[in-house]
């Protein structure tokens, strides 16, 4: 096992142990009711350490649970924006106003399929906004940062992917998606033809649409 993989394995063992002692409340790790530390500062310091370890683990590639043939970057991709998007929320995401889109940045949106919803289809499209035409790469996958070849089963790659100046992907409950599960919409400025990232600030609009089907 490589040093990188050993580090990840040890960190996850520590996280598993610390997660039995702490719980996350309002974005802060606090001790479980039955756990007592010598001082409040000790509780705070260990909770902060657990938070940092969890953040490092969430950005690790390959991510926890990835299949054995996982083959995006073998190192942590540093230029990543991670967020969540609620099922049914049609408000456009404008990178120029929020996370900014430049160079080799990845956008990763976590979307959970709720039991109660108005429709079964999630349609995502991306295009330049307001300026900055560039090649885009969009996928929907079980895993964050998954830009492999598409696999309709979702086992050996994202369910679907799209690339070009304007990109579109749609997936549906009962076909690709399962109620209660979390999936990842992954976006990057990547040219499939040139096999390289765009350079500079290449802002875009990410639009989630929810057809009633």
Protein backbone atom coordinates (compact mmCIF):
# COMPACT_ATOMS: atom_id res chain seq x y z
CA UNK A 1 0.00 0.00 0.00
CA UNK A 2 1.35 3.43 -0.93
CA UNK A 3 2.09 6.08 1.70
CA UNK A 4 -0.88 8.15 0.42
CA UNK A 5 -3.29 5.26 0.77
CA UNK A 6 -1.89 4.38 4.20
CA UNK A 7 -2.45 7.97 5.35
CA UNK A 8 -6.04 7.88 4.11
CA UNK A 9 -6.68 4.51 5.78
CA UNK A 10 -5.29 5.66 9.15
CA UNK A 11 -7.26 8.92 8.97
CA UNK A 12 -10.50 7.03 8.35
CA UNK A 13 -9.81 4.74 11.33
CA UNK A 14 -9.37 7.83 13.50
CA UNK A 15 -12.53 9.41 12.10
CA UNK A 16 -14.53 6.26 12.83
CA UNK A 17 -13.33 6.33 16.46
CA UNK A 18 -13.93 10.05 16.98
CA UNK A 19 -17.38 9.86 15.42
CA UNK A 20 -18.40 7.58 18.30
CA UNK A 21 -17.47 10.39 20.72
CA UNK A 22 -18.84 13.41 18.86
CA UNK A 23 -21.91 14.46 16.90
CA UNK A 24 -22.47 17.33 14.47
CA UNK A 25 -24.90 20.02 15.67
CA UNK A 26 -25.48 23.22 13.68
CA UNK A 27 -22.18 22.81 11.88
CA UNK A 28 -20.16 22.26 15.08
CA UNK A 29 -18.85 18.99 16.50
CA UNK A 30 -19.96 18.52 20.13
CA UNK A 31 -19.36 15.63 22.53
CA UNK A 32 -21.97 12.89 22.78
CA UNK A 33 -24.09 13.23 25.97
CA UNK A 34 -22.34 10.32 27.67
CA UNK A 35 -18.82 11.57 26.84
CA UNK A 36 -16.92 13.89 29.18
CA UNK A 37 -13.57 15.59 28.67
CA UNK A 38 -11.36 17.22 31.27
CA UNK A 39 -11.89 20.78 30.04
CA UNK A 40 -14.14 22.64 27.59
CA UNK A 41 -11.04 23.57 25.57
CA UNK A 42 -10.21 19.90 25.12
CA UNK A 43 -13.70 19.23 23.78
CA UNK A 44 -13.44 22.15 21.37
CA UNK A 45 -9.95 21.24 20.14
CA UNK A 46 -10.78 17.59 19.50
CA UNK A 47 -14.06 18.57 17.82
CA UNK A 48 -12.22 20.98 15.54
CA UNK A 49 -9.70 18.28 14.69
CA UNK A 50 -12.50 15.86 13.78
CA UNK A 51 -14.08 18.50 11.55
CA UNK A 52 -10.79 19.06 9.72
CA UNK A 53 -10.28 15.32 9.26
CA UNK A 54 -13.79 14.88 7.89
CA UNK A 55 -13.29 17.74 5.43
CA UNK A 56 -9.99 16.24 4.27
CA UNK A 57 -11.65 12.85 3.83
CA UNK A 58 -14.58 14.28 1.87
CA UNK A 59 -12.13 15.79 -0.63
CA UNK A 60 -10.02 12.66 -0.97
CA UNK A 61 -9.86 10.96 -4.34
CA UNK A 62 -10.67 8.15 -4.60
CA UNK A 63 -13.59 8.87 -2.26
CA UNK A 64 -14.84 6.38 0.36
CA UNK A 65 -16.66 3.47 -1.26
CA UNK A 66 -15.23 4.02 -4.73
CA UNK A 67 -14.96 0.88 -6.91
CA UNK A 68 -11.64 -0.85 -7.47
CA UNK A 69 -11.35 0.54 -11.02
CA UNK A 70 -11.61 4.16 -9.84
CA UNK A 71 -9.38 6.21 -12.11
CA UNK A 72 -9.69 9.98 -11.76
CA UNK A 73 -6.64 11.78 -10.31
CA UNK A 74 -4.76 9.65 -7.78
CA UNK A 75 -4.03 12.73 -5.69
CA UNK A 76 -6.40 15.16 -4.01
CA UNK A 77 -7.65 17.68 -6.56
CA UNK A 78 -7.03 20.98 -4.81
CA UNK A 79 -9.23 23.37 -6.80
CA UNK A 80 -12.68 22.09 -5.78
CA UNK A 81 -15.92 23.81 -4.81
CA UNK A 82 -18.38 21.52 -3.03
CA UNK A 83 -22.00 22.28 -2.23
CA UNK A 84 -25.51 20.85 -2.09
CA UNK A 85 -28.55 21.47 -4.28
CA UNK A 86 -32.07 20.62 -3.15
CA UNK A 87 -34.24 18.43 -5.36
CA UNK A 88 -36.81 20.69 -7.03
CA UNK A 89 -34.82 23.93 -6.61
CA UNK A 90 -34.84 25.63 -10.02
CA UNK A 91 -32.88 28.71 -9.07
CA UNK A 92 -29.89 29.10 -11.44
CA UNK A 93 -26.38 28.87 -10.05
CA UNK A 94 -24.20 31.67 -11.43
CA UNK A 95 -20.53 31.02 -10.73
CA UNK A 96 -19.60 34.69 -11.23
CA UNK A 97 -21.75 35.54 -8.21
CA UNK A 98 -20.79 32.67 -5.94
CA UNK A 99 -17.98 30.13 -6.19
CA UNK A 100 -16.19 31.55 -9.28
CA UNK A 101 -15.11 29.27 -12.12
CA UNK A 102 -11.50 29.43 -13.26
CA UNK A 103 -8.70 27.25 -14.59
CA UNK A 104 -9.01 23.65 -13.39
CA UNK A 105 -11.78 24.19 -10.79
CA UNK A 106 -14.26 21.38 -10.22
CA UNK A 107 -17.83 22.10 -9.08
CA UNK A 108 -19.44 19.25 -7.15
CA UNK A 109 -23.14 19.48 -6.21
CA UNK A 110 -24.58 16.81 -3.90
CA UNK A 111 -28.26 16.10 -4.62
CA UNK A 112 -30.37 13.77 -2.46
CA UNK A 113 -33.55 12.21 -3.87
CA UNK A 114 -36.41 12.88 -1.40
CA UNK A 115 -39.29 10.52 -0.77
CA UNK A 116 -41.79 13.33 -1.46
CA UNK A 117 -41.17 15.22 -4.70
CA UNK A 118 -43.07 16.81 -7.57
CA UNK A 119 -41.35 14.85 -10.33
CA UNK A 120 -38.91 12.05 -11.07
CA UNK A 121 -36.52 13.66 -13.56
CA UNK A 122 -33.48 15.85 -12.88
CA UNK A 123 -32.19 17.78 -15.90
CA UNK A 124 -28.96 19.77 -15.61
CA UNK A 125 -27.46 22.06 -18.20
CA UNK A 126 -24.44 24.38 -18.18
CA UNK A 127 -23.44 27.21 -20.49
CA UNK A 128 -21.19 30.27 -20.42
CA UNK A 129 -22.48 33.28 -18.48
CA UNK A 130 -22.07 36.15 -18.96
CA UNK A 131 -19.03 35.65 -21.20
CA UNK A 132 -16.19 33.19 -21.52
CA UNK A 133 -17.06 30.49 -24.02
CA UNK A 134 -15.21 27.29 -23.15
CA UNK A 135 -15.46 23.53 -23.32
CA UNK A 136 -17.42 22.09 -20.38
CA UNK A 137 -17.59 18.58 -18.95
CA UNK A 138 -20.67 17.54 -16.95
CA UNK A 139 -21.45 14.22 -15.25
CA UNK A 140 -23.99 12.74 -12.82
CA UNK A 141 -22.53 9.99 -10.67
CA UNK A 142 -22.68 8.04 -7.43
CA UNK A 143 -19.30 9.59 -6.62
CA UNK A 144 -17.95 13.15 -6.32
CA UNK A 145 -15.43 14.25 -8.94
CA UNK A 146 -16.23 11.31 -11.23
CA UNK A 147 -15.25 12.26 -14.78
CA UNK A 148 -14.69 8.74 -16.12
CA UNK A 149 -16.35 7.28 -19.21
CA UNK A 150 -20.11 6.95 -18.71
CA UNK A 151 -21.62 3.66 -17.52
CA UNK A 152 -25.46 3.46 -17.51
CA UNK A 153 -25.31 1.22 -14.42
CA UNK A 154 -23.29 3.82 -12.49
CA UNK A 155 -20.84 1.14 -11.35
CA UNK A 156 -17.86 1.75 -13.62
CA UNK A 157 -18.40 5.45 -14.26
CA UNK A 158 -21.00 8.22 -14.06
CA UNK A 159 -24.52 7.39 -15.22
CA UNK A 160 -24.27 10.02 -17.92
CA UNK A 161 -21.83 12.65 -19.12
CA UNK A 162 -21.88 15.52 -21.59
CA UNK A 163 -19.14 17.70 -23.04
CA UNK A 164 -19.03 20.74 -25.30
CA UNK A 165 -19.65 24.49 -25.02
CA UNK A 166 -23.19 23.79 -23.76
CA UNK A 167 -23.76 20.56 -21.86
CA UNK A 168 -26.95 18.74 -20.80
CA UNK A 169 -27.65 15.63 -18.73
CA UNK A 170 -30.89 14.14 -17.45
CA UNK A 171 -31.42 11.25 -15.03
CA UNK A 172 -34.56 9.88 -13.43
CA UNK A 173 -35.81 8.09 -10.34
CA UNK A 174 -36.44 4.42 -11.02
CA UNK A 175 -33.89 4.33 -13.82
CA UNK A 176 -30.59 5.73 -12.55
CA UNK A 177 -31.63 7.20 -9.20
CA UNK A 178 -32.94 5.65 -5.97
CA UNK A 179 -35.03 7.48 -3.38
CA UNK A 180 -33.03 8.43 -0.30
CA UNK A 181 -29.64 8.19 -2.04
CA UNK A 182 -27.25 11.10 -2.68
CA UNK A 183 -25.77 11.66 -6.14
CA UNK A 184 -23.20 14.11 -7.46
CA UNK A 185 -23.39 16.60 -10.32
CA UNK A 186 -19.78 17.22 -11.38
CA UNK A 187 -18.71 20.11 -13.62
CA UNK A 188 -15.33 21.28 -14.94
CA UNK A 189 -13.92 23.38 -17.80
CA UNK A 190 -12.36 20.54 -19.74
CA UNK A 191 -11.83 20.03 -23.47
CA UNK A 192 -12.27 16.41 -24.51
CA UNK A 193 -10.65 17.21 -27.87
CA UNK A 194 -7.54 18.90 -26.45
CA UNK A 195 -7.48 16.94 -23.19
CA UNK A 196 -6.80 20.08 -21.19
CA UNK A 197 -8.44 22.57 -18.84
CA UNK A 198 -9.53 26.04 -19.85
CA UNK A 199 -7.37 28.91 -18.60
CA UNK A 200 -8.63 32.02 -16.84
CA UNK A 201 -12.03 32.99 -15.44
CA UNK A 202 -14.54 31.01 -17.47
CA UNK A 203 -17.79 31.67 -15.64
CA UNK A 204 -20.90 29.64 -16.29
CA UNK A 205 -24.54 29.15 -15.42
CA UNK A 206 -25.63 25.83 -13.94
CA UNK A 207 -29.37 25.28 -14.34
CA UNK A 208 -31.31 22.50 -12.62
CA UNK A 209 -34.68 21.76 -14.24
CA UNK A 210 -37.32 19.38 -12.91
CA UNK A 211 -39.68 18.05 -15.61
CA UNK A 212 -42.86 16.55 -14.15
CA UNK A 213 -42.35 13.02 -15.42
